[in-house]
Amino acid sequence: MCLAIPAKVTELKENRLATVDILGVTRDIALDLTPQAGVGDFVLVHAGFAIEVVDPDYAQETIDLIKQFPELAGEDIPDVVETEAAR
């Protein structure tokens, strides 16, 4: 089973690439499928690609579901909304 994980776009780069924060970890991903995504937007990431732009509430709902299965992502998963407020 594959999951699309919510991530916050923190930096736009050349060639439709972006840096995102995924559960406190930064990764570079491709925005080829979501060219409308900008810094501060939340996207669903699957296999290194942003596949959809989502609102922060949806992103948090997804994080909350992932928290129900800590073996999928570790036990100390930060809240998206709390991460937002701290920045």
C-alpha atoms as a PDB file:
ATOM      1  CA  MET A   1       0.000   0.000   0.000  1.00  0.00           C
ATOM      2  CA  CYS A   2       1.269   3.475  -0.850  1.00  0.00           C
ATOM      3  CA  LEU A   3       0.315   6.674   0.915  1.00  0.00           C
ATOM      4  CA  ALA A   4       0.369  10.289  -0.179  1.00  0.00           C
ATOM      5  CA  ILE A   5       1.754  12.313   2.715  1.00  0.00           C
ATOM      6  CA  PRO A   6       0.920  15.993   3.355  1.00  0.00           C
ATOM      7  CA  ALA A   7       3.857  18.353   3.085  1.00  0.00           C
ATOM      8  CA  LYS A   8       4.315  22.110   3.292  1.00  0.00           C
ATOM      9  CA  VAL A   9       6.145  23.816   0.447  1.00  0.00           C
ATOM     10  CA  THR A  10       8.996  25.831   1.969  1.00  0.00           C
ATOM     11  CA  GLU A  11      10.977  26.805  -1.125  1.00  0.00           C
ATOM     12  CA  LEU A  12      10.463  26.892  -4.881  1.00  0.00           C
ATOM     13  CA  LYS A  13      13.431  25.882  -7.024  1.00  0.00           C
ATOM     14  CA  GLU A  14      14.280  25.744 -10.720  1.00  0.00           C
ATOM     15  CA  ASN A  15      12.886  23.099 -13.059  1.00  0.00           C
ATOM     16  CA  ARG A  16       9.560  22.743 -11.183  1.00  0.00           C
ATOM     17  CA  LEU A  17      11.242  21.454  -8.037  1.00  0.00           C
ATOM     18  CA  ALA A  18      10.450  22.474  -4.471  1.00  0.00           C
ATOM     19  CA  THR A  19      11.668  21.838  -0.970  1.00  0.00           C
ATOM     20  CA  VAL A  20       8.931  20.629   1.370  1.00  0.00           C
ATOM     21  CA  ASP A  21       8.597  19.826   5.053  1.00  0.00           C
ATOM     22  CA  ILE A  22       7.157  16.349   5.569  1.00  0.00           C
ATOM     23  CA  LEU A  23       6.506  15.610   9.243  1.00  0.00           C
ATOM     24  CA  GLY A  24       9.544  17.664  10.228  1.00  0.00           C
ATOM     25  CA  VAL A  25      11.842  16.288   7.520  1.00  0.00           C
ATOM     26  CA  THR A  26      12.780  18.309   4.434  1.00  0.00           C
ATOM     27  CA  ARG A  27      12.793  16.768   0.979  1.00  0.00           C
ATOM     28  CA  ASP A  28      13.025  17.990  -2.586  1.00  0.00           C
ATOM     29  CA  ILE A  29      10.048  17.041  -4.717  1.00  0.00           C
ATOM     30  CA  ALA A  30       8.721  17.688  -8.222  1.00  0.00           C
ATOM     31  CA  LEU A  31       5.820  20.057  -8.839  1.00  0.00           C
ATOM     32  CA  ASP A  32       5.185  18.866 -12.400  1.00  0.00           C
ATOM     33  CA  LEU A  33       1.648  17.737 -11.507  1.00  0.00           C
ATOM     34  CA  THR A  34       0.853  20.781  -9.340  1.00  0.00           C
ATOM     35  CA  PRO A  35       2.422  23.832 -11.019  1.00  0.00           C
ATOM     36  CA  GLN A  36       0.048  26.104  -9.085  1.00  0.00           C
ATOM     37  CA  ALA A  37       1.649  25.167  -5.726  1.00  0.00           C
ATOM     38  CA  GLY A  38       3.526  27.960  -3.986  1.00  0.00           C
ATOM     39  CA  VAL A  39       5.504  28.564  -0.834  1.00  0.00           C
ATOM     40  CA  GLY A  40       3.266  27.970   2.184  1.00  0.00           C
ATOM     41  CA  ASP A  41       0.887  25.647   0.348  1.00  0.00           C
ATOM     42  CA  PHE A  42       0.236  22.103   1.513  1.00  0.00           C
ATOM     43  CA  VAL A  43       0.570  19.353  -1.071  1.00  0.00           C
ATOM     44  CA  LEU A  44       0.102  15.602  -1.020  1.00  0.00           C
ATOM     45  CA  VAL A  45       3.398  13.925  -1.908  1.00  0.00           C
ATOM     46  CA  HIS A  46       3.636  10.483  -3.478  1.00  0.00           C
ATOM     47  CA  ALA A  47       6.801   8.975  -4.967  1.00  0.00           C
ATOM     48  CA  GLY A  48       8.593  12.308  -4.998  1.00  0.00           C
ATOM     49  CA  PHE A  49       5.808  14.229  -6.741  1.00  0.00           C
ATOM     50  CA  ALA A  50       3.249  16.660  -5.375  1.00  0.00           C
ATOM     51  CA  ILE A  51       0.006  15.190  -6.696  1.00  0.00           C
ATOM     52  CA  GLU A  52      -2.525  17.656  -5.249  1.00  0.00           C
ATOM     53  CA  VAL A  53      -2.657  20.982  -3.420  1.00  0.00           C
ATOM     54  CA  VAL A  54      -4.740  20.649  -0.229  1.00  0.00           C
ATOM     55  CA  ASP A  55      -5.890  22.993   2.505  1.00  0.00           C
ATOM     56  CA  PRO A  56      -4.230  22.950   5.962  1.00  0.00           C
ATOM     57  CA  ASP A  57      -7.285  21.348   7.607  1.00  0.00           C
ATOM     58  CA  TYR A  58      -7.201  18.422   5.191  1.00  0.00           C
ATOM     59  CA  ALA A  59      -3.450  18.078   5.726  1.00  0.00           C
ATOM     60  CA  GLN A  60      -3.989  17.962   9.499  1.00  0.00           C
ATOM     61  CA  GLU A  61      -6.777  15.382   9.165  1.00  0.00           C
ATOM     62  CA  THR A  62      -4.403  13.169   7.217  1.00  0.00           C
ATOM     63  CA  ILE A  63      -1.642  13.605   9.821  1.00  0.00           C
ATOM     64  CA  ASP A  64      -4.157  12.690  12.528  1.00  0.00           C
ATOM     65  CA  LEU A  65      -5.007   9.471  10.639  1.00  0.00           C
ATOM     66  CA  ILE A  66      -1.318   8.628  10.253  1.00  0.00           C
ATOM     67  CA  LYS A  67      -0.875   9.117  14.012  1.00  0.00           C
ATOM     68  CA  GLN A  68      -3.283   6.242  14.553  1.00  0.00           C
ATOM     69  CA  PHE A  69      -0.632   3.994  12.965  1.00  0.00           C
ATOM     70  CA  PRO A  70       2.678   5.148  14.495  1.00  0.00           C
ATOM     71  CA  GLU A  71       4.518   2.212  12.948  1.00  0.00           C
ATOM     72  CA  LEU A  72       4.022   3.960   9.580  1.00  0.00           C
ATOM     73  CA  ALA A  73       5.873   7.153  10.473  1.00  0.00           C
ATOM     74  CA  GLY A  74       7.243   6.995  14.010  1.00  0.00           C
ATOM     75  CA  GLU A  75       5.631   7.940  17.281  1.00  0.00           C
ATOM     76  CA  ASP A  76       6.542  11.652  17.503  1.00  0.00           C
ATOM     77  CA  ILE A  77       4.608  13.067  14.579  1.00  0.00           C
ATOM     78  CA  PRO A  78       4.118  16.839  14.854  1.00  0.00           C
ATOM     79  CA  ASP A  79       0.779  18.471  14.115  1.00  0.00           C
ATOM     80  CA  VAL A  80       0.735  20.443  10.877  1.00  0.00           C
ATOM     81  CA  VAL A  81      -1.186  23.293  12.499  1.00  0.00           C
ATOM     82  CA  GLU A  82       1.178  23.438  15.501  1.00  0.00           C
ATOM     83  CA  THR A  83       4.164  23.419  13.145  1.00  0.00           C
ATOM     84  CA  GLU A  84       2.541  26.345  11.304  1.00  0.00           C
ATOM     85  CA  ALA A  85       2.055  28.367  14.491  1.00  0.00           C
ATOM     86  CA  ALA A  86       5.629  27.797  15.589  1.00  0.00           C
ATOM     87  CA  ARG A  87       7.073  29.321  12.396  1.00  0.00           C
END
